[in-house]
Amino acid sequence: MARKYSKGASKKVEKAMHERKKGTLKSGRSGKKVKSRKQAIAIGLSEARKEGKKVPKKKTRKTKKKKKS
């Protein structure tokens, strides 16, 4: 079975997790320190996506269509 995430993407996430643990990982716009594990993973995947690594697309919410009555 093929990998969902490339090895390069895994390295990016690993790097982001280490930075978070050291306290040097900062979020994009606000530049605040990242404390959340999930946020660190998201930042790593986002960076990998920008570099063109193999990463599945972001899941988007589908809006429900309103019934006409």
C-alpha atoms as a PDB file:
ATOM      1  CA  MET A   1       0.000   0.000   0.000  1.00  0.00           C
ATOM      2  CA  ALA A   2       1.270   3.464  -0.907  1.00  0.00           C
ATOM      3  CA  ARG A   3       2.192   6.060   1.688  1.00  0.00           C
ATOM      4  CA  LYS A   4      -0.329   8.824   2.335  1.00  0.00           C
ATOM      5  CA  TYR A   5       2.389  11.270   3.397  1.00  0.00           C
ATOM      6  CA  SER A   6       5.866  11.432   1.843  1.00  0.00           C
ATOM      7  CA  LYS A   7       9.021  11.022   3.918  1.00  0.00           C
ATOM      8  CA  GLY A   8       9.792  14.694   3.307  1.00  0.00           C
ATOM      9  CA  ALA A   9       6.434  15.667   4.790  1.00  0.00           C
ATOM     10  CA  SER A  10       7.146  13.492   7.834  1.00  0.00           C
ATOM     11  CA  LYS A  11      10.471  15.290   8.325  1.00  0.00           C
ATOM     12  CA  LYS A  12       8.713  18.673   8.226  1.00  0.00           C
ATOM     13  CA  VAL A  13       6.229  17.572  10.888  1.00  0.00           C
ATOM     14  CA  GLU A  14       9.036  16.110  12.997  1.00  0.00           C
ATOM     15  CA  LYS A  15      10.955  19.410  12.779  1.00  0.00           C
ATOM     16  CA  ALA A  16       7.856  21.396  13.768  1.00  0.00           C
ATOM     17  CA  MET A  17       7.300  19.101  16.769  1.00  0.00           C
ATOM     18  CA  HIS A  18      10.899  19.604  17.953  1.00  0.00           C
ATOM     19  CA  GLU A  19      10.560  23.370  17.594  1.00  0.00           C
ATOM     20  CA  ARG A  20       7.325  23.266  19.595  1.00  0.00           C
ATOM     21  CA  LYS A  21       9.022  21.293  22.346  1.00  0.00           C
ATOM     22  CA  LYS A  22      11.886  23.804  22.498  1.00  0.00           C
ATOM     23  CA  GLY A  23       9.383  26.674  22.490  1.00  0.00           C
ATOM     24  CA  THR A  24      10.628  28.266  19.265  1.00  0.00           C
ATOM     25  CA  LEU A  25       7.712  27.353  16.975  1.00  0.00           C
ATOM     26  CA  LYS A  26       5.606  30.387  16.169  1.00  0.00           C
ATOM     27  CA  SER A  27       2.268  30.614  14.401  1.00  0.00           C
ATOM     28  CA  GLY A  28       1.919  32.370  11.068  1.00  0.00           C
ATOM     29  CA  ARG A  29       0.325  35.790  11.303  1.00  0.00           C
ATOM     30  CA  SER A  30       0.265  36.542  14.990  1.00  0.00           C
ATOM     31  CA  GLY A  31       3.732  35.137  15.664  1.00  0.00           C
ATOM     32  CA  LYS A  32       2.608  33.707  19.009  1.00  0.00           C
ATOM     33  CA  LYS A  33       4.251  30.607  20.464  1.00  0.00           C
ATOM     34  CA  VAL A  34       2.563  27.356  19.526  1.00  0.00           C
ATOM     35  CA  LYS A  35       1.668  25.198  22.522  1.00  0.00           C
ATOM     36  CA  SER A  36      -0.739  22.756  20.921  1.00  0.00           C
ATOM     37  CA  ARG A  37       0.519  19.446  19.490  1.00  0.00           C
ATOM     38  CA  LYS A  38      -2.205  19.442  16.825  1.00  0.00           C
ATOM     39  CA  GLN A  39      -1.293  22.957  15.734  1.00  0.00           C
ATOM     40  CA  ALA A  40       2.374  21.963  15.398  1.00  0.00           C
ATOM     41  CA  ILE A  41       1.408  19.039  13.151  1.00  0.00           C
ATOM     42  CA  ALA A  42      -0.801  21.336  11.049  1.00  0.00           C
ATOM     43  CA  ILE A  43       2.065  23.821  10.601  1.00  0.00           C
ATOM     44  CA  GLY A  44       4.443  21.022   9.545  1.00  0.00           C
ATOM     45  CA  LEU A  45       1.973  19.681   6.986  1.00  0.00           C
ATOM     46  CA  SER A  46       1.250  23.159   5.679  1.00  0.00           C
ATOM     47  CA  GLU A  47       4.982  23.802   5.116  1.00  0.00           C
ATOM     48  CA  ALA A  48       5.309  20.438   3.347  1.00  0.00           C
ATOM     49  CA  ARG A  49       2.331  21.297   1.121  1.00  0.00           C
ATOM     50  CA  LYS A  50       3.961  24.603   0.134  1.00  0.00           C
ATOM     51  CA  GLU A  51       7.144  22.759  -0.889  1.00  0.00           C
ATOM     52  CA  GLY A  52       5.119  20.373  -3.047  1.00  0.00           C
ATOM     53  CA  LYS A  53       5.599  17.246  -0.935  1.00  0.00           C
ATOM     54  CA  LYS A  54       3.051  14.423  -1.093  1.00  0.00           C
ATOM     55  CA  VAL A  55       0.397  15.421   1.424  1.00  0.00           C
ATOM     56  CA  PRO A  56      -3.362  14.721   1.129  1.00  0.00           C
ATOM     57  CA  LYS A  57      -5.571  17.744   0.518  1.00  0.00           C
ATOM     58  CA  LYS A  58      -7.103  19.607   3.431  1.00  0.00           C
ATOM     59  CA  LYS A  59     -10.580  18.414   4.363  1.00  0.00           C
ATOM     60  CA  THR A  60     -13.135  21.113   3.691  1.00  0.00           C
ATOM     61  CA  ARG A  61     -16.561  21.389   5.234  1.00  0.00           C
ATOM     62  CA  LYS A  62     -19.432  20.970   2.855  1.00  0.00           C
ATOM     63  CA  THR A  63     -22.355  23.317   3.394  1.00  0.00           C
ATOM     64  CA  LYS A  64     -25.867  21.946   3.370  1.00  0.00           C
ATOM     65  CA  LYS A  65     -28.201  23.186   0.673  1.00  0.00           C
ATOM     66  CA  LYS A  66     -31.343  24.857   1.961  1.00  0.00           C
ATOM     67  CA  LYS A  67     -34.645  23.436   0.789  1.00  0.00           C
ATOM     68  CA  LYS A  68     -36.874  25.779  -1.119  1.00  0.00           C
ATOM     69  CA  SER A  69     -40.395  25.834   0.267  1.00  0.00           C
END
